[in-house]
N, C-alpha and C. Protein backbone atom coordinates (compact mmCIF):
# COMPACT_ATOMS: atom_id res chain seq x y z
N MET A 1 191.14 125.33 206.06
CA MET A 1 190.26 125.12 207.45
C MET A 1 189.75 123.64 207.46
N ASN A 2 189.36 123.19 206.16
CA ASN A 2 188.77 121.89 206.02
C ASN A 2 190.03 120.64 206.34
N GLU A 3 191.16 121.13 206.16
CA GLU A 3 192.33 120.18 206.32
C GLU A 3 192.39 120.18 208.01
N ALA A 4 192.32 121.35 208.60
CA ALA A 4 192.49 121.23 210.16
C ALA A 4 191.61 120.76 210.80
N LEU A 5 190.28 120.69 210.34
CA LEU A 5 189.10 119.95 210.88
C LEU A 5 188.27 119.23 210.17
N PRO A 6 188.76 117.89 209.63
CA PRO A 6 188.34 117.20 208.66
C PRO A 6 186.93 116.96 208.81
N LYS A 7 186.00 116.82 208.15
CA LYS A 7 184.43 116.06 208.04
C LYS A 7 184.73 114.84 208.45
N ALA A 8 184.04 114.59 209.95
CA ALA A 8 184.05 113.31 210.39
C ALA A 8 182.78 112.71 210.22
N ASN A 9 182.68 111.38 210.75
CA ASN A 9 181.37 110.99 211.00
C ASN A 9 180.80 111.35 212.13
N GLN A 10 179.67 111.83 212.01
CA GLN A 10 179.11 112.63 213.37
C GLN A 10 178.78 111.80 214.23
N THR A 11 178.13 110.72 213.98
CA THR A 11 177.82 109.69 214.84
C THR A 11 178.94 109.26 215.80
N ASN A 12 180.11 109.17 215.13
CA ASN A 12 181.34 108.62 215.88
C ASN A 12 181.83 109.88 216.88
N LEU A 13 181.72 111.07 216.38
CA LEU A 13 182.03 112.01 216.90
C LEU A 13 181.30 112.20 218.58
N TRP A 14 179.85 112.06 218.34
CA TRP A 14 179.07 112.10 219.50
C TRP A 14 179.30 110.96 220.49
N LYS A 15 179.67 109.86 220.07
CA LYS A 15 179.91 108.79 220.86
C LYS A 15 181.34 108.92 221.83
N ASN A 16 182.33 109.72 221.02
CA ASN A 16 183.30 110.15 221.81
C ASN A 16 183.55 110.76 222.81
N LEU A 17 182.57 111.82 222.67
CA LEU A 17 182.23 112.61 223.83
C LEU A 17 181.27 112.51 224.81
N SER A 18 181.31 113.19 226.12
CA SER A 18 180.45 113.15 227.25
C SER A 18 179.19 113.47 227.04
N VAL A 19 178.89 114.63 226.00
CA VAL A 19 177.65 115.23 225.59
C VAL A 19 177.09 114.40 224.22
N GLN A 20 175.97 114.35 224.51
CA GLN A 20 175.02 113.74 223.29
C GLN A 20 174.30 114.68 222.80
N PRO A 21 173.78 114.77 221.56
CA PRO A 21 172.71 115.45 221.15
C PRO A 21 171.38 115.23 221.81
N PRO A 22 170.45 116.25 222.17
CA PRO A 22 170.74 117.81 222.08
C PRO A 22 171.88 117.99 222.95
N PHE A 23 172.99 118.66 222.92
CA PHE A 23 174.16 119.02 223.66
C PHE A 23 174.26 119.97 224.24
N ASP A 24 174.94 120.35 225.51
CA ASP A 24 175.02 121.33 226.58
C ASP A 24 176.35 122.15 225.45
N GLU A 25 175.59 123.07 224.62
CA GLU A 25 176.71 123.97 223.68
C GLU A 25 177.91 124.51 224.42
N ALA A 26 177.75 125.10 225.69
CA ALA A 26 178.93 125.61 226.61
C ALA A 26 179.86 124.75 227.00
N ALA A 27 179.33 123.47 227.57
CA ALA A 27 180.48 122.59 227.76
C ALA A 27 181.12 121.90 226.53
N LEU A 28 180.61 121.69 225.51
CA LEU A 28 181.15 121.48 224.33
C LEU A 28 182.18 122.43 223.94
N VAL A 29 181.80 123.78 223.95
CA VAL A 29 182.77 124.64 223.34
C VAL A 29 184.00 124.78 224.78
N ILE A 30 183.74 124.76 225.95
CA ILE A 30 184.84 124.65 226.70
C ILE A 30 185.80 123.42 226.35
N LYS A 31 184.87 122.40 226.29
CA LYS A 31 185.84 121.13 225.96
C LYS A 31 186.80 121.31 224.72
N ALA A 32 186.09 122.10 223.49
CA ALA A 32 186.79 122.14 222.32
C ALA A 32 188.05 122.91 222.43
N SER A 33 188.48 123.88 223.50
CA SER A 33 189.52 124.25 223.65
C SER A 33 190.79 123.67 223.81
N THR A 34 190.57 122.36 224.11
CA THR A 34 191.80 121.58 224.52
C THR A 34 191.50 120.09 223.60
N ASP A 35 190.33 119.95 223.20
CA ASP A 35 189.92 118.54 222.78
C ASP A 35 189.77 118.56 221.14
N PRO A 36 190.40 118.28 220.10
CA PRO A 36 190.18 118.26 218.92
C PRO A 36 188.81 117.69 218.29
N THR A 37 188.35 116.36 219.18
CA THR A 37 187.30 115.83 218.73
C THR A 37 186.04 116.64 219.06
N ALA A 38 185.93 117.44 220.19
CA ALA A 38 184.87 118.47 220.58
C ALA A 38 185.00 119.55 219.40
N LEU A 39 186.02 119.96 218.88
CA LEU A 39 186.15 121.05 217.95
C LEU A 39 185.61 120.47 216.71
N ALA A 40 186.06 119.59 216.09
CA ALA A 40 185.25 118.81 214.99
C ALA A 40 183.89 118.58 215.37
N ALA A 41 183.16 118.37 216.17
CA ALA A 41 181.93 118.14 216.36
C ALA A 41 181.38 119.73 216.49
N LEU A 42 181.79 120.79 216.75
CA LEU A 42 181.40 122.06 216.75
C LEU A 42 181.39 122.53 215.21
N TYR A 43 182.51 122.24 214.74
CA TYR A 43 182.76 122.74 213.18
C TYR A 43 181.62 121.71 212.29
N ASP A 44 181.36 120.38 212.61
CA ASP A 44 180.15 119.59 212.03
C ASP A 44 178.74 120.31 212.49
N VAL A 45 178.48 120.70 213.42
CA VAL A 45 177.23 121.28 213.81
C VAL A 45 177.12 122.78 212.70
N TYR A 46 178.17 123.49 212.77
CA TYR A 46 177.91 124.99 212.44
C TYR A 46 178.36 125.06 211.11
N PHE A 47 179.31 124.21 210.33
CA PHE A 47 179.60 124.64 209.27
C PHE A 47 178.53 124.77 208.35
N PRO A 48 177.47 124.02 208.20
CA PRO A 48 176.46 124.30 207.03
C PRO A 48 175.64 125.55 207.38
N ARG A 49 175.62 125.86 208.55
CA ARG A 49 174.69 127.05 208.86
C ARG A 49 175.54 128.30 208.71
N VAL A 50 176.93 128.44 208.87
CA VAL A 50 177.81 129.55 208.42
C VAL A 50 177.95 129.54 206.99
N HIS A 51 178.05 128.37 206.18
CA HIS A 51 178.33 128.42 204.74
C HIS A 51 176.92 129.13 204.17
N LYS A 52 175.87 128.65 204.56
CA LYS A 52 174.43 129.13 204.10
C LYS A 52 174.55 130.74 204.41
N TYR A 53 174.84 131.14 205.64
CA TYR A 53 174.72 132.44 205.67
C TYR A 53 175.55 133.45 204.74
N ILE A 54 176.90 133.06 204.83
CA ILE A 54 178.01 133.54 203.89
C ILE A 54 177.47 133.34 202.55
N LEU A 55 176.91 132.48 202.00
CA LEU A 55 176.45 132.62 200.67
C LEU A 55 175.26 133.14 200.52
N TYR A 56 174.45 133.70 201.39
CA TYR A 56 173.34 134.39 201.33
C TYR A 56 174.01 135.75 201.32
N ARG A 57 175.04 136.18 201.86
CA ARG A 57 175.44 137.73 201.81
C ARG A 57 176.24 138.00 200.61
N VAL A 58 177.01 136.92 200.44
CA VAL A 58 178.15 137.40 199.17
C VAL A 58 177.71 136.73 197.72
N GLN A 59 176.94 135.78 197.64
CA GLN A 59 176.34 135.42 196.57
C GLN A 59 177.28 134.83 195.52
N ASP A 60 178.38 134.30 196.06
CA ASP A 60 179.53 133.73 195.15
C ASP A 60 180.09 132.44 195.78
N ILE A 61 179.96 131.26 195.23
CA ILE A 61 180.62 130.03 195.96
C ILE A 61 181.81 129.95 196.35
N GLN A 62 183.25 130.57 195.51
CA GLN A 62 184.27 130.39 195.80
C GLN A 62 184.44 131.25 197.00
N LEU A 63 184.21 132.69 196.87
CA LEU A 63 184.46 133.59 197.75
C LEU A 63 183.80 133.01 199.20
N THR A 64 182.68 132.66 199.11
CA THR A 64 182.06 131.95 200.41
C THR A 64 182.93 130.92 201.19
N ASP A 65 183.59 129.92 200.27
CA ASP A 65 184.31 129.00 200.75
C ASP A 65 185.49 129.47 201.24
N ASP A 66 185.92 130.46 200.97
CA ASP A 66 187.04 131.36 201.39
C ASP A 66 186.72 131.73 202.69
N LEU A 67 185.62 132.64 202.81
CA LEU A 67 185.27 133.15 204.04
C LEU A 67 184.64 132.61 204.99
N VAL A 68 184.03 131.23 204.79
CA VAL A 68 183.93 130.33 205.88
C VAL A 68 185.00 129.91 206.46
N SER A 69 186.37 129.38 205.53
CA SER A 69 187.56 128.98 206.04
C SER A 69 188.19 130.04 206.87
N GLN A 70 188.17 131.47 206.78
CA GLN A 70 188.59 132.30 207.45
C GLN A 70 187.90 132.49 208.84
N THR A 71 186.32 132.33 208.63
CA THR A 71 185.41 132.36 210.09
C THR A 71 186.09 131.09 211.10
N PHE A 72 186.12 129.91 210.37
CA PHE A 72 186.57 128.84 211.43
C PHE A 72 187.86 128.87 211.94
N GLU A 73 188.98 129.40 210.96
CA GLU A 73 190.30 130.03 211.45
C GLU A 73 190.23 130.84 212.58
N LYS A 74 189.24 131.96 212.56
CA LYS A 74 189.13 132.78 213.51
C LYS A 74 188.61 132.25 214.95
N MET A 75 187.52 131.32 214.70
CA MET A 75 186.93 130.68 215.90
C MET A 75 187.92 129.72 216.46
N LEU A 76 188.46 128.95 215.77
CA LEU A 76 189.82 128.10 216.36
C LEU A 76 190.78 128.83 217.20
N THR A 77 191.30 130.09 216.58
CA THR A 77 192.27 130.76 217.37
C THR A 77 191.54 131.73 218.52
N GLY A 78 190.17 131.78 218.28
CA GLY A 78 189.40 132.81 219.74
C GLY A 78 188.60 131.75 220.56
N ILE A 79 188.64 130.52 220.30
CA ILE A 79 187.94 129.62 221.02
C ILE A 79 187.99 129.93 222.63
N GLY A 80 189.34 129.69 222.79
CA GLY A 80 189.81 130.08 224.38
C GLY A 80 189.42 131.09 225.10
N ARG A 81 189.09 132.34 224.31
CA ARG A 81 188.78 133.46 224.72
C ARG A 81 187.20 133.74 224.88
N PHE A 82 186.40 132.79 224.37
CA PHE A 82 184.79 132.52 224.26
C PHE A 82 184.41 132.56 225.81
N HIS A 83 183.32 133.37 226.19
CA HIS A 83 182.71 133.22 227.48
C HIS A 83 181.38 133.27 227.34
N PRO A 84 180.86 131.96 227.59
CA PRO A 84 179.48 131.35 227.64
C PRO A 84 178.35 132.40 228.21
N GLN A 85 178.80 132.92 229.21
CA GLN A 85 177.91 133.91 230.23
C GLN A 85 177.84 135.31 229.48
N GLN A 86 178.42 135.52 228.26
CA GLN A 86 178.38 136.83 227.61
C GLN A 86 177.60 136.85 226.45
N ALA A 87 177.49 135.88 225.79
CA ALA A 87 176.73 135.24 224.68
C ALA A 87 176.66 133.97 224.49
N PRO A 88 175.60 133.34 223.71
CA PRO A 88 175.55 132.07 223.34
C PRO A 88 176.68 131.99 222.50
N PHE A 89 177.11 130.67 222.15
CA PHE A 89 178.04 130.44 221.23
C PHE A 89 177.76 130.64 219.60
N LYS A 90 176.59 130.30 219.44
CA LYS A 90 175.96 130.34 217.87
C LYS A 90 176.12 131.91 217.60
N ALA A 91 175.91 132.90 218.62
CA ALA A 91 175.88 134.23 218.28
C ALA A 91 177.26 134.80 218.14
N TRP A 92 178.07 134.18 218.91
CA TRP A 92 179.55 134.80 218.96
C TRP A 92 180.08 134.29 217.45
N LEU A 93 179.86 133.22 217.13
CA LEU A 93 180.25 132.73 215.83
C LEU A 93 179.70 133.39 214.62
N PHE A 94 178.42 133.41 214.84
CA PHE A 94 177.76 134.50 213.26
C PHE A 94 178.45 136.03 213.62
N GLY A 95 178.79 136.31 214.84
CA GLY A 95 179.27 137.68 214.95
C GLY A 95 180.75 137.78 214.21
N ILE A 96 181.55 136.38 214.41
CA ILE A 96 182.57 136.54 213.46
C ILE A 96 182.60 136.77 212.06
N ALA A 97 181.43 135.72 211.42
CA ALA A 97 181.26 135.60 210.08
C ALA A 97 181.03 136.93 209.51
N ARG A 98 179.97 137.83 210.37
CA ARG A 98 179.78 139.02 209.86
C ARG A 98 180.88 139.94 209.91
N HIS A 99 181.89 139.87 210.59
CA HIS A 99 183.20 140.66 210.68
C HIS A 99 183.93 140.34 209.61
N VAL A 100 184.29 138.95 209.30
CA VAL A 100 185.01 138.60 208.34
C VAL A 100 184.52 138.73 206.68
N ILE A 101 183.05 138.98 206.79
CA ILE A 101 182.27 139.45 205.51
C ILE A 101 182.63 141.04 205.40
N ALA A 102 182.25 141.85 206.57
CA ALA A 102 182.81 143.21 206.49
C ALA A 102 183.94 143.50 206.14
N ASP A 103 184.88 142.57 206.75
CA ASP A 103 186.42 142.85 206.38
C ASP A 103 186.80 142.60 204.90
N HIS A 104 186.06 141.88 204.42
CA HIS A 104 186.34 141.22 203.15
C HIS A 104 186.02 142.48 202.05
N PHE A 105 184.64 143.24 202.38
CA PHE A 105 184.04 144.12 201.43
C PHE A 105 185.03 145.60 201.71
N ARG A 106 185.38 145.73 202.81
CA ARG A 106 186.09 146.68 203.30
C ARG A 106 187.46 146.81 202.10
N THR A 107 187.89 145.27 202.50
CA THR A 107 189.47 145.51 201.88
C THR A 107 189.53 145.59 200.35
N PHE A 108 188.54 144.87 199.99
CA PHE A 108 188.39 144.41 198.33
C PHE A 108 187.35 145.37 197.73
N LYS A 109 186.33 145.88 198.14
CA LYS A 109 185.69 146.64 197.57
C LYS A 109 184.77 145.63 196.57
N HIS A 110 184.76 144.52 196.77
CA HIS A 110 184.35 143.27 195.70
C HIS A 110 182.98 143.62 195.53
N GLN A 111 182.77 143.39 193.98
CA GLN A 111 181.52 143.34 193.52
C GLN A 111 180.93 141.97 193.46
N LEU A 112 179.54 142.16 193.80
CA LEU A 112 178.97 140.91 193.97
C LEU A 112 178.79 140.14 192.48
N VAL A 113 179.29 138.90 192.63
CA VAL A 113 178.84 138.05 191.29
C VAL A 113 177.72 137.23 191.32
N PRO A 114 176.62 137.31 190.43
CA PRO A 114 175.43 136.71 190.68
C PRO A 114 175.93 135.10 190.75
N LEU A 115 175.20 134.41 191.78
CA LEU A 115 175.48 132.78 191.64
C LEU A 115 175.04 132.15 190.62
N ILE A 116 173.90 132.87 189.98
CA ILE A 116 173.30 132.20 188.59
C ILE A 116 174.26 132.04 187.65
N GLU A 117 175.24 132.80 187.56
CA GLU A 117 176.24 132.86 186.23
C GLU A 117 177.04 131.39 186.35
N GLN A 118 177.52 131.58 187.82
CA GLN A 118 178.60 130.35 188.18
C GLN A 118 177.51 128.99 187.86
N MET A 119 176.64 128.83 188.40
CA MET A 119 175.81 127.53 188.40
C MET A 119 174.89 126.96 187.18
N SER A 120 174.85 128.14 185.93
CA SER A 120 174.40 127.69 185.11
C SER A 120 174.41 126.71 184.27
N ASP A 121 175.65 126.23 184.28
CA ASP A 121 176.26 124.62 183.69
C ASP A 121 175.88 123.51 184.63
N HIS A 122 175.45 124.01 185.86
CA HIS A 122 175.20 122.65 186.52
C HIS A 122 174.05 121.65 185.93
N LYS A 123 174.39 120.66 186.04
CA LYS A 123 173.39 119.42 185.40
C LYS A 123 173.14 118.42 186.35
N PRO A 124 172.14 118.44 187.09
CA PRO A 124 171.93 117.58 188.40
C PRO A 124 171.66 116.29 187.80
N SER A 125 171.83 115.36 188.84
CA SER A 125 171.65 113.89 188.24
C SER A 125 170.20 113.35 188.32
N SER A 126 169.34 114.07 188.75
CA SER A 126 167.95 113.89 188.98
C SER A 126 167.01 115.09 189.15
N GLU A 127 165.69 114.79 188.90
CA GLU A 127 164.69 115.75 188.73
C GLU A 127 164.62 116.29 189.73
N GLU A 128 164.55 115.71 190.92
CA GLU A 128 164.41 116.35 192.20
C GLU A 128 165.64 117.57 192.53
N LEU A 129 166.75 117.05 192.31
CA LEU A 129 167.89 117.84 192.63
C LEU A 129 167.73 119.12 191.40
N ALA A 130 167.25 119.00 190.28
CA ALA A 130 167.16 119.95 189.30
C ALA A 130 166.24 121.02 189.86
N ILE A 131 165.03 120.45 190.62
CA ILE A 131 163.73 121.34 191.09
C ILE A 131 164.42 122.28 192.28
N LYS A 132 165.22 121.47 193.04
CA LYS A 132 165.76 122.05 194.39
C LYS A 132 166.83 123.09 193.80
N SER A 133 167.70 123.10 193.09
CA SER A 133 168.57 123.85 192.70
C SER A 133 167.99 124.94 191.65
N GLU A 134 166.96 124.96 190.79
CA GLU A 134 166.30 125.79 190.50
C GLU A 134 165.53 126.61 191.53
N GLN A 135 164.90 126.25 192.40
CA GLN A 135 164.31 127.00 193.66
C GLN A 135 165.56 128.09 194.30
N ASN A 136 166.67 127.21 194.66
CA ASN A 136 167.71 128.06 195.38
C ASN A 136 168.07 129.11 194.44
N LEU A 137 168.08 128.96 193.15
CA LEU A 137 168.74 130.03 192.18
C LEU A 137 167.67 131.08 192.02
N HIS A 138 166.29 130.96 191.96
CA HIS A 138 165.53 131.94 192.03
C HIS A 138 165.34 132.49 193.56
N LEU A 139 165.51 132.04 194.61
CA LEU A 139 165.52 132.63 195.85
C LEU A 139 167.13 133.60 195.81
N LEU A 140 168.03 133.01 195.30
CA LEU A 140 169.36 133.99 195.44
C LEU A 140 169.28 135.20 194.57
N SER A 141 168.76 134.83 193.19
CA SER A 141 168.16 135.93 192.29
C SER A 141 167.42 136.71 193.12
N ALA A 142 166.30 136.57 193.57
CA ALA A 142 165.52 137.36 194.11
C ALA A 142 166.02 138.00 195.30
N MET A 143 166.88 137.45 195.99
CA MET A 143 167.69 138.16 197.27
C MET A 143 168.69 139.42 196.80
N GLN A 144 168.92 139.66 195.42
CA GLN A 144 169.58 140.87 194.88
C GLN A 144 168.85 141.95 195.12
N ILE A 145 167.41 141.89 195.12
CA ILE A 145 166.79 143.32 195.35
C ILE A 145 166.67 143.48 196.57
N LEU A 146 167.22 142.83 197.76
CA LEU A 146 167.26 143.50 199.07
C LEU A 146 168.45 144.25 199.39
N THR A 147 168.50 144.95 200.26
CA THR A 147 169.58 145.76 200.71
C THR A 147 170.68 144.70 201.43
N ASP A 148 171.80 145.32 201.56
CA ASP A 148 172.93 144.35 202.35
C ASP A 148 172.40 143.94 203.64
N ARG A 149 171.85 144.88 204.43
CA ARG A 149 171.13 144.85 205.83
C ARG A 149 170.12 143.77 205.77
N GLU A 150 169.24 143.75 204.85
CA GLU A 150 168.10 142.67 204.70
C GLU A 150 168.57 141.70 204.66
N ARG A 151 169.67 141.34 203.46
CA ARG A 151 170.28 139.84 203.30
C ARG A 151 170.94 139.48 204.63
N ASP A 152 171.64 140.50 205.39
CA ASP A 152 172.46 140.05 206.55
C ASP A 152 171.36 139.54 207.60
N LEU A 153 170.47 140.28 207.76
CA LEU A 153 169.50 139.57 208.82
C LEU A 153 168.86 138.37 208.30
N ILE A 154 168.13 138.12 207.08
CA ILE A 154 167.53 137.09 206.83
C ILE A 154 168.52 135.81 206.57
N GLY A 155 169.99 136.21 206.30
CA GLY A 155 170.95 134.90 206.60
C GLY A 155 171.18 134.83 208.08
N LEU A 156 171.21 135.74 208.90
CA LEU A 156 171.22 135.32 210.12
C LEU A 156 170.03 134.63 211.02
N LYS A 157 168.85 134.98 210.20
CA LYS A 157 167.41 134.07 210.73
C LYS A 157 167.52 132.96 210.11
N PHE A 158 167.60 132.60 208.91
CA PHE A 158 167.14 131.42 208.51
C PHE A 158 168.55 130.53 208.07
N ALA A 159 169.51 131.37 207.46
CA ALA A 159 170.74 130.22 207.32
C ALA A 159 171.35 130.12 208.74
N GLY A 160 171.43 131.18 209.73
CA GLY A 160 172.33 130.80 210.90
C GLY A 160 171.33 130.29 212.04
N GLY A 161 170.00 130.49 211.96
CA GLY A 161 169.01 130.03 213.09
C GLY A 161 169.21 130.85 213.99
N LEU A 162 169.36 132.06 214.14
CA LEU A 162 169.54 132.75 215.27
C LEU A 162 168.14 133.36 215.47
N LYS A 163 167.93 133.66 216.70
CA LYS A 163 166.81 134.43 217.12
C LYS A 163 166.65 135.79 217.07
N ASN A 164 165.49 136.47 217.05
CA ASN A 164 165.49 138.01 216.71
C ASN A 164 166.20 138.78 217.80
N ARG A 165 166.20 138.32 218.79
CA ARG A 165 166.85 138.92 220.02
C ARG A 165 168.56 138.64 219.86
N GLN A 166 169.02 137.50 219.54
CA GLN A 166 170.46 137.72 218.91
C GLN A 166 170.74 138.47 218.10
N ILE A 167 169.97 138.43 216.93
CA ILE A 167 170.22 139.22 215.68
C ILE A 167 170.29 140.58 216.03
N ALA A 168 169.48 141.15 216.88
CA ALA A 168 169.53 142.46 217.41
C ALA A 168 170.93 142.95 218.43
N THR A 169 171.25 141.92 219.16
CA THR A 169 172.68 142.30 219.82
C THR A 169 173.62 142.35 218.82
N LEU A 170 173.62 141.49 217.60
CA LEU A 170 174.72 141.46 216.83
C LEU A 170 174.69 142.66 215.97
N SER A 171 173.41 143.32 215.39
CA SER A 171 173.33 144.33 214.40
C SER A 171 173.12 145.53 215.42
N ASN A 172 173.06 145.58 216.16
CA ASN A 172 172.77 146.81 217.00
C ASN A 172 171.18 147.54 216.85
N LEU A 173 170.42 146.62 216.65
CA LEU A 173 168.88 147.09 216.38
C LEU A 173 168.22 146.76 217.56
N SER A 174 167.16 147.28 217.66
CA SER A 174 166.09 146.70 218.61
C SER A 174 165.28 145.49 218.24
N GLU A 175 164.99 144.81 218.83
CA GLU A 175 164.48 143.14 218.43
C GLU A 175 163.23 143.49 217.48
N SER A 176 162.26 144.65 218.16
CA SER A 176 161.40 144.68 217.16
C SER A 176 161.62 145.47 215.82
N ASN A 177 162.69 145.87 215.83
CA ASN A 177 163.15 146.54 214.40
C ASN A 177 163.68 145.37 213.91
N VAL A 178 164.14 144.55 214.27
CA VAL A 178 164.58 143.37 213.67
C VAL A 178 163.57 142.69 213.05
N GLY A 179 162.55 142.56 213.72
CA GLY A 179 161.10 141.68 213.25
C GLY A 179 160.75 142.60 212.15
N ILE A 180 160.64 143.78 212.21
CA ILE A 180 159.56 144.53 211.02
C ILE A 180 160.74 144.36 209.84
N ILE A 181 162.13 144.39 210.06
CA ILE A 181 162.73 144.20 208.54
C ILE A 181 162.75 142.95 208.02
N LEU A 182 162.58 141.82 208.75
CA LEU A 182 162.54 140.85 208.48
C LEU A 182 161.45 140.82 207.74
N TYR A 183 160.02 141.02 208.33
CA TYR A 183 158.64 140.66 207.75
C TYR A 183 158.79 141.49 206.30
N ARG A 184 159.33 142.89 206.47
CA ARG A 184 159.35 143.50 204.86
C ARG A 184 160.01 142.67 204.13
N ALA A 185 161.26 142.47 204.24
CA ALA A 185 162.10 141.90 203.54
C ALA A 185 161.46 140.36 202.98
N ILE A 186 160.87 139.71 203.77
CA ILE A 186 160.45 138.47 203.45
C ILE A 186 159.30 138.88 202.30
N GLN A 187 158.31 140.20 202.67
CA GLN A 187 157.42 140.24 201.74
C GLN A 187 157.86 140.79 200.21
N ARG A 188 159.00 141.32 200.40
CA ARG A 188 159.36 141.69 199.08
C ARG A 188 160.04 140.27 198.37
N LEU A 189 160.35 139.57 198.90
CA LEU A 189 161.16 138.48 198.46
C LEU A 189 159.67 137.53 197.87
N ARG A 190 158.90 137.63 198.49
CA ARG A 190 157.86 136.68 198.04
C ARG A 190 156.91 137.20 196.90
N ASN A 191 156.98 138.44 196.84
CA ASN A 191 156.39 139.45 195.77
C ASN A 191 157.36 139.08 194.49
N GLU A 192 158.54 139.18 195.05
CA GLU A 192 159.38 138.98 193.64
C GLU A 192 159.33 137.74 192.89
N LEU A 193 159.44 136.62 194.05
CA LEU A 193 159.40 135.23 193.68
C LEU A 193 158.24 134.80 192.78
N SER A 194 157.06 135.49 193.31
CA SER A 194 155.61 135.44 192.53
C SER A 194 155.50 136.03 191.13
N GLN A 195 156.17 137.19 191.05
CA GLN A 195 156.47 137.99 189.91
C GLN A 195 157.15 137.05 188.75
N LYS A 196 158.15 136.41 189.26
CA LYS A 196 158.97 135.69 188.53
C LYS A 196 158.29 134.24 188.01
N GLU A 197 157.69 133.79 188.86
CA GLU A 197 156.76 132.25 188.59
C GLU A 197 155.53 132.85 187.51
N SER A 198 155.11 134.30 187.61
CA SER A 198 154.05 134.67 186.70
C SER A 198 154.64 134.78 185.07
N CYS A 199 155.59 135.33 185.48
CA CYS A 199 156.71 135.57 184.00
C CYS A 199 156.94 134.19 183.15
N ASN A 200 157.16 133.14 184.03
CA ASN A 200 157.68 131.89 183.54
C ASN A 200 156.41 130.96 182.91
N GLU A 201 155.41 131.34 183.65
CA GLU A 201 154.02 130.67 183.02
C GLU A 201 153.65 130.99 181.84
C-alpha cells in the first residue's frame, strides 16, 4: 500500500488541492475517488492515526504494518461507495480498520505478541527518544491488563481521535456506556502505571 500511495510532502499536496487545512473532509473524499493527489492527502492525514490505533489493538509492529496496509487497500477500493451524509469519513475509515483486525483474529486466531519483546534491542540515538520509547513501552505493557473491548475503545478515542458518539456508533454501545468504559479503563491504566513506577523506584 505504501507503494500505491507514496508518502509525499504534505505542504505540496495541500498546495495542489483546492482545499486547505483545515479542510472540508467530505469534499476531499469526493475528490479522492478520481484524484490521486487528494487520495494521497487523505492517506497522509489518517495513516499515523490508523497505525497507532491498530498498534494499540494488536501490539505487534509487523502485524500492524500488514493490517494498516489492508485497511488502506480497502479504503482505496471502497472510497467510491463512501457517502458523507451517512457517517464522517474518519468513522468510516476506523470502521474498516476494526473489521480488518476482527477478520485477522477470526482467521488466524493470532496470539498477541508483546511489543516489548520486539523493541528490547531498540537503541535510540538521544536521551529524549529513549525516555519517549520507555514511556510507550510502559503504556503498551500496561494496556495488556485491559480487555479487547477496552483496548479497542481507547485506540479509537486516543489513536483515532474519534468522539464518544462516533465510537458508540461503531461499537454498538450507548454514548454514556462508551464514556464509562473509557473512564474505568483509563483509571486501571493509571493504577497499573503508577504501580510499575513504584516498583522501579
